[in-house]
Structures are given as structure tokens and as C-alpha cells.
Amino acid sequence: MIKCLRLSIIQSLQNTPKRFAGHSKWQNIRHTKQANDQARSLLFMRLGQRIKIAIAENGNNNNPETNNALAQVLDVCREKNMPNAAIQNVLKLSKVDKSSAKTVWFDLLGPNGTFFLVNTYTDNAGKTKVNIRTCIKKHRLTLESNLKGNFVHKGIIRTKPKADANVENILDACIDDAITVGAEDAFEDSAESGVFLFHCDPNHVLTVKKKLIELGYEVIEADDYYIPLKTVTLTDDETIADLEKAIEKLQALPEVVKIFDNIA
């Protein structure tokens, strides 16, 4: 059983490069939607929530030098071009925040075997559940439980290789460097030429990223993700449009931080 599970995880991770780049109809829609100004505003709001979570779940420590989770989130904020003034404002408010908000996950089951993990930061889980149910009730999604086991939590660092890398043996070099920097493995992105992904413990993203930069890699993106052990492909335009509407509604909720799915 353990061997089968490990094989399933490995196969999922090996499929990650193509999925991560997002060249399916579903992923292309998601990427396009995230490009507009309103989406950027929502992105910064969610990054602010992630800052609060990193502080609250680590003894209310708002010092990134001693709070690794906060340091990783702040790195993502800078990577996503979140204004420094906005970052500092969240950090300042966190010092006086006395709310009882905490992380709550909601699992959603959709058509054709689709799963969604909704990560929220809320001081009223019951109200948030009602809000989520309102968002999804007309879009063939239902609240379920225990779907998180269909995903594996991983750090992903997306890179361009060293300028002096040997093109013929570049993947082998990346795999060797993965060992050096403490990553678990490296894969070539099959959907984008010249891009390589390093997988690592989700708590070690920033550490691995810094070591890759020291080795000469150009880091494009680094964050933690819940990667599905098995993906499903949607080809029906109506189903894709229906789910997209639901996701848009969910992302507009101020308590929603991240949404993960198993759609290829």
C-alpha cells in the first residue's frame, strides 16, 4: 500500500511541470483571469491574509528573521510585486490584531471527479461555510470532507538554469544541484522550453530558492502548492465556464486565501 502511494505521488510530481505551466483550456482561462487589475487587487488581499496566517500560526511573531513561514510569504509578496507600503501596513496592523481568526479548509466536490481545496482565514467558520455554499450552489459543487488526502503538499521553485550549464546534460546537472540545495528532485518543464522545476519540503522553499540563486539559477517563481495525486481533464466548455464562475465568486470572498484543484 505504501509503495503504491509513493508511486502515485511520484507520478503526480512527474506530471507537475506540464500542469504547473497551465496550457490546458482550464489553466489558460485561470491565467488570463489573473492578469487584470481587479485580480491583482484580490491577489494582494489574499497575500495580506497569508501574512496574517504566518504570524498568527507562529506565536504572533511578526519578525521574518525568526519566523520562517513569514519570511517565505514576504518573499512571495515581493515576487508578485505587492507594494511595500501595503506589506508594511499588514505587518503593522498584525501587531494590534486581537481577532480569533484561524485557518480553516473547505473541500469541494465538482462534476467529472473534480476536487477543490479552499483555504480560508476566518474568525467565523460557520459564516464562511454559508458564504462558500452561496457561491457554489448553482455551479454543481458540493461541500465534502476528507478530500485533502488526494493532494500532496510541496514547495515548487520554477527556474531558468545557470548560464554556464551544459545544454546536453542540463537535467542531470539540475538533479545534482537539487541534492546540493536540499530539494527533493528536479524536472524539466515539458510545456516551456528551458525552464526547470525543483520540488522541496513546503517549509524550505525560501532556503532552497536562495541556494539555487547562489548556484546561478534565475528563479521565476517560488511558492508552496497542494498538488493533486491524480488529475482530470475537462473538455466541456459549459462545465469549464460553470466552474470558472464559482471560482471567481469564491476568490472574491475576503476570507479566501488559496484555492487548489485537480484539473489538468
Protein backbone atom coordinates (compact mmCIF):
# COMPACT_ATOMS: atom_id res chain seq x y z
CA MET A 1 0.00 0.00 0.00
CA ILE A 2 2.79 2.42 0.96
CA LYS A 3 4.68 1.52 -2.22
CA CYS A 4 1.57 2.19 -4.31
CA LEU A 5 1.00 5.54 -2.61
CA ARG A 6 4.64 6.54 -3.13
CA LEU A 7 4.41 5.57 -6.81
CA SER A 8 1.24 7.64 -7.14
CA ILE A 9 2.96 10.66 -5.58
CA ILE A 10 5.99 10.29 -7.85
CA GLN A 11 3.79 10.01 -10.95
CA SER A 12 1.86 13.10 -9.86
CA LEU A 13 5.03 15.10 -9.32
CA GLN A 14 6.42 13.98 -12.66
CA ASN A 15 3.27 15.35 -14.28
CA THR A 16 3.56 18.63 -12.42
CA PRO A 17 5.72 20.56 -14.92
CA LYS A 18 3.08 20.39 -17.66
CA ARG A 19 0.25 21.15 -15.25
CA PHE A 20 2.14 23.92 -13.49
CA ALA A 21 2.74 25.79 -16.74
CA GLY A 22 -1.01 25.67 -17.40
CA HIS A 23 -1.53 25.06 -21.10
CA SER A 24 -4.89 23.30 -20.86
CA LYS A 25 -8.10 25.15 -21.61
CA TRP A 26 -8.88 25.39 -17.88
CA GLN A 27 -5.41 26.59 -16.86
CA ASN A 28 -5.23 29.14 -19.68
CA ILE A 29 -8.52 30.65 -18.56
CA ARG A 30 -7.25 30.87 -14.97
CA HIS A 31 -4.03 32.58 -16.10
CA THR A 32 -5.89 35.13 -18.25
CA LYS A 33 -8.35 35.97 -15.48
CA GLN A 34 -5.49 36.67 -13.07
CA ALA A 35 -3.94 39.27 -15.36
CA ASN A 36 -6.40 42.15 -14.87
CA ASP A 37 -6.29 44.90 -12.24
CA GLN A 38 -9.18 43.56 -10.17
CA ALA A 39 -7.46 40.20 -9.95
CA ARG A 40 -4.26 41.90 -8.80
CA SER A 41 -6.20 43.67 -6.07
CA LEU A 42 -7.65 40.35 -4.94
CA LEU A 43 -4.19 38.79 -5.12
CA PHE A 44 -2.75 41.42 -2.79
CA MET A 45 -5.68 40.95 -0.42
CA ARG A 46 -5.01 37.20 -0.29
CA LEU A 47 -1.28 37.78 0.20
CA GLY A 48 -2.17 40.02 3.11
CA GLN A 49 -4.19 37.16 4.58
CA ARG A 50 -1.21 34.84 4.15
CA ILE A 51 0.96 37.30 6.09
CA LYS A 52 -1.58 37.27 8.92
CA ILE A 53 -1.68 33.46 8.93
CA ALA A 54 2.11 33.17 9.02
CA ILE A 55 2.19 35.49 12.02
CA ALA A 56 -0.81 34.04 13.88
CA GLU A 57 0.29 30.42 13.47
CA ASN A 58 3.79 31.14 14.73
CA GLY A 59 3.21 32.68 18.13
CA ASN A 60 2.20 36.11 16.75
CA ASN A 61 5.81 36.56 15.66
CA ASN A 62 5.97 39.29 13.01
CA ASN A 63 9.75 39.17 12.64
CA PRO A 64 10.71 37.42 9.36
CA GLU A 65 14.22 36.82 10.69
CA THR A 66 12.88 34.40 13.29
CA ASN A 67 9.62 33.37 11.58
CA ASN A 68 10.47 31.29 8.50
CA ALA A 69 6.84 30.98 7.37
CA LEU A 70 6.52 34.78 7.37
CA ALA A 71 9.82 35.17 5.52
CA GLN A 72 8.56 32.81 2.80
CA VAL A 73 5.27 34.68 2.41
CA LEU A 74 7.01 38.07 2.27
CA ASP A 75 9.27 36.69 -0.44
CA VAL A 76 6.18 35.67 -2.45
CA CYS A 77 4.70 39.15 -1.89
CA ARG A 78 7.79 40.79 -3.37
CA GLU A 79 7.81 38.24 -6.19
CA LYS A 80 4.21 39.20 -7.04
CA ASN A 81 5.06 42.92 -6.88
CA MET A 82 2.85 43.66 -3.89
CA PRO A 83 3.56 47.30 -2.93
CA ASN A 84 5.90 47.58 0.05
CA ALA A 85 3.56 50.09 1.69
CA ALA A 86 0.77 47.51 1.61
CA ILE A 87 3.08 44.85 3.08
CA GLN A 88 4.21 47.14 5.89
CA ASN A 89 0.61 48.11 6.64
CA VAL A 90 -0.38 44.46 7.12
CA LEU A 91 2.65 43.88 9.37
CA LYS A 92 1.80 46.99 11.40
CA LEU A 93 -1.84 46.00 11.84
CA SER A 94 -0.82 42.47 12.86
CA LYS A 95 0.83 43.90 15.98
CA VAL A 96 -2.52 45.12 17.31
CA ASP A 97 -4.78 42.47 15.78
CA LYS A 98 -6.68 40.75 18.60
CA SER A 99 -9.03 38.72 16.41
CA SER A 100 -9.51 34.97 16.88
CA ALA A 101 -9.17 34.26 13.15
CA LYS A 102 -7.61 30.95 12.14
CA THR A 103 -7.01 28.80 9.07
CA VAL A 104 -9.99 26.67 8.00
CA TRP A 105 -10.04 24.37 4.97
CA PHE A 106 -13.16 23.58 2.95
CA ASP A 107 -13.29 20.67 0.48
CA LEU A 108 -15.46 20.87 -2.61
CA LEU A 109 -16.52 18.07 -4.95
CA GLY A 110 -17.41 19.03 -8.51
CA PRO A 111 -18.53 17.36 -11.75
CA ASN A 112 -16.43 14.75 -13.55
CA GLY A 113 -14.36 13.92 -10.48
CA THR A 114 -13.07 17.44 -9.87
CA PHE A 115 -11.85 18.39 -6.39
CA PHE A 116 -11.21 21.81 -4.91
CA LEU A 117 -9.41 22.73 -1.68
CA VAL A 118 -10.39 26.16 -0.37
CA ASN A 119 -8.00 27.63 2.19
CA THR A 120 -9.58 30.38 4.31
CA TYR A 121 -8.58 32.63 7.20
CA THR A 122 -11.65 33.40 9.26
CA ASP A 123 -12.90 34.19 12.76
CA ASN A 124 -16.31 32.69 11.97
CA ALA A 125 -16.06 29.31 10.23
CA GLY A 126 -19.85 28.87 10.24
CA LYS A 127 -20.43 32.14 8.41
CA THR A 128 -17.64 31.38 5.94
CA LYS A 129 -19.19 27.98 5.24
CA VAL A 130 -22.51 29.68 4.45
CA ASN A 131 -20.74 32.17 2.17
CA ILE A 132 -18.99 29.35 0.31
CA ARG A 133 -22.22 27.40 -0.05
CA THR A 134 -23.86 30.51 -1.53
CA CYS A 135 -21.04 30.84 -4.08
CA ILE A 136 -21.21 27.24 -5.27
CA LYS A 137 -24.87 26.27 -5.02
CA LYS A 138 -25.68 26.95 -8.70
CA HIS A 139 -22.44 25.54 -10.09
CA ARG A 140 -22.60 21.78 -9.46
CA LEU A 141 -20.22 21.93 -6.50
CA THR A 142 -20.92 20.49 -3.06
CA LEU A 143 -19.17 20.75 0.28
CA GLU A 144 -17.47 17.49 1.20
CA SER A 145 -14.80 16.34 3.65
CA ASN A 146 -11.50 14.45 3.62
CA LEU A 147 -10.55 15.41 0.06
CA LYS A 148 -7.21 16.85 1.13
CA GLY A 149 -5.74 13.34 1.04
CA ASN A 150 -6.00 13.49 -2.75
CA PHE A 151 -3.24 16.13 -2.77
CA VAL A 152 0.39 16.30 -1.67
CA HIS A 153 1.84 19.50 -0.20
CA LYS A 154 5.05 20.56 -1.96
CA GLY A 155 7.26 23.56 -2.48
CA ILE A 156 7.89 24.37 -6.16
CA ILE A 157 10.71 26.61 -7.37
CA ARG A 158 10.47 27.46 -11.05
CA THR A 159 13.83 28.36 -12.58
CA LYS A 160 15.96 29.00 -15.60
CA PRO A 161 19.27 27.14 -15.39
CA LYS A 162 22.73 28.53 -14.86
CA ALA A 163 24.17 30.49 -17.78
CA ASP A 164 27.18 28.17 -18.00
CA ALA A 165 25.13 24.96 -17.84
CA ASN A 166 25.95 22.19 -20.30
CA VAL A 167 22.89 22.05 -22.53
CA GLU A 168 23.33 18.34 -23.33
CA ASN A 169 23.34 17.29 -19.66
CA ILE A 170 21.32 20.08 -18.16
CA LEU A 171 18.66 17.93 -16.48
CA ASP A 172 21.31 15.74 -14.87
CA ALA A 173 23.03 18.89 -13.61
CA CYS A 174 19.72 20.16 -12.17
CA ILE A 175 19.14 16.86 -10.39
CA ASP A 176 22.65 17.01 -8.91
CA ASP A 177 22.05 20.61 -7.83
CA ALA A 178 18.72 19.56 -6.27
CA ILE A 179 20.66 17.30 -3.92
CA THR A 180 23.14 20.10 -3.17
CA VAL A 181 20.47 22.65 -2.22
CA GLY A 182 18.26 20.25 -0.29
CA ALA A 183 15.47 19.89 -2.86
CA GLU A 184 13.78 16.53 -3.39
CA ASP A 185 14.02 16.42 -7.18
CA ALA A 186 14.16 18.46 -10.38
CA PHE A 187 12.09 18.19 -13.56
CA GLU A 188 12.16 19.82 -16.96
CA ASP A 189 9.03 21.81 -17.72
CA SER A 190 7.63 19.97 -20.74
CA ALA A 191 5.36 22.90 -21.59
CA GLU A 192 8.01 25.63 -21.50
CA SER A 193 11.44 25.11 -23.00
CA GLY A 194 14.42 25.99 -20.84
CA VAL A 195 12.50 26.03 -17.56
CA PHE A 196 13.15 23.58 -14.72
CA LEU A 197 11.17 22.91 -11.56
CA PHE A 198 12.66 22.00 -8.20
CA HIS A 199 10.42 20.30 -5.64
CA CYS A 200 11.10 20.55 -1.93
CA ASP A 201 9.58 20.48 1.54
CA PRO A 202 7.00 23.31 1.59
CA ASN A 203 8.66 24.75 4.70
CA HIS A 204 12.02 25.01 2.94
CA VAL A 205 11.01 26.98 -0.17
CA LEU A 206 12.90 30.15 0.70
CA THR A 207 16.03 28.29 1.81
CA VAL A 208 16.16 26.19 -1.37
CA LYS A 209 15.41 29.25 -3.51
CA LYS A 210 18.33 31.20 -2.00
CA LYS A 211 20.72 28.29 -2.54
CA LEU A 212 19.63 27.94 -6.18
CA ILE A 213 20.27 31.64 -6.72
CA GLU A 214 23.72 31.23 -5.16
CA LEU A 215 24.39 28.47 -7.70
CA GLY A 216 23.49 30.82 -10.53
CA TYR A 217 19.87 29.89 -11.28
CA GLU A 218 17.32 32.54 -12.23
CA VAL A 219 14.24 31.95 -10.08
CA ILE A 220 10.99 32.76 -11.86
CA GLU A 221 8.60 31.77 -9.09
CA ALA A 222 8.71 30.00 -5.73
CA ASP A 223 5.80 29.01 -3.51
CA ASP A 224 4.08 26.05 -1.87
CA TYR A 225 1.23 24.19 -3.56
CA TYR A 226 -1.13 21.31 -2.99
CA ILE A 227 -0.50 19.07 -6.00
CA PRO A 228 -3.19 16.53 -6.95
CA LEU A 229 -2.17 12.88 -6.90
CA LYS A 230 -4.39 12.37 -9.93
CA THR A 231 -5.73 14.94 -12.38
CA VAL A 232 -8.84 15.08 -14.52
CA THR A 233 -9.21 16.78 -17.90
CA LEU A 234 -12.21 18.93 -18.72
CA THR A 235 -13.19 19.35 -22.36
CA ASP A 236 -16.79 20.53 -21.99
CA ASP A 237 -16.94 24.33 -22.37
CA GLU A 238 -20.13 24.57 -20.32
CA THR A 239 -18.60 22.73 -17.36
CA ILE A 240 -15.42 24.82 -17.53
CA ALA A 241 -17.43 28.06 -17.65
CA ASP A 242 -19.63 26.91 -14.78
CA LEU A 243 -16.69 26.09 -12.53
CA GLU A 244 -14.91 29.29 -13.51
CA LYS A 245 -17.89 31.33 -12.31
CA ALA A 246 -17.83 29.51 -8.99
CA ILE A 247 -14.09 30.08 -8.54
CA GLU A 248 -14.50 33.78 -9.32
CA LYS A 249 -17.17 34.08 -6.65
CA LEU A 250 -15.04 32.18 -4.12
CA GLN A 251 -11.97 34.30 -4.82
CA ALA A 252 -14.00 37.44 -4.21
CA LEU A 253 -14.66 36.35 -0.61
CA PRO A 254 -12.25 38.28 1.67
CA GLU A 255 -11.60 35.22 3.85
CA VAL A 256 -10.46 33.00 0.95
CA VAL A 257 -6.66 32.73 0.75
CA LYS A 258 -5.89 29.96 -1.75
CA ILE A 259 -7.78 27.53 -3.97
CA PHE A 260 -6.27 24.32 -5.33
CA ASP A 261 -7.84 21.90 -7.80
CA ASN A 262 -7.12 18.62 -9.57
CA ILE A 263 -7.94 19.83 -13.08
CA ALA A 264 -5.22 19.25 -15.69
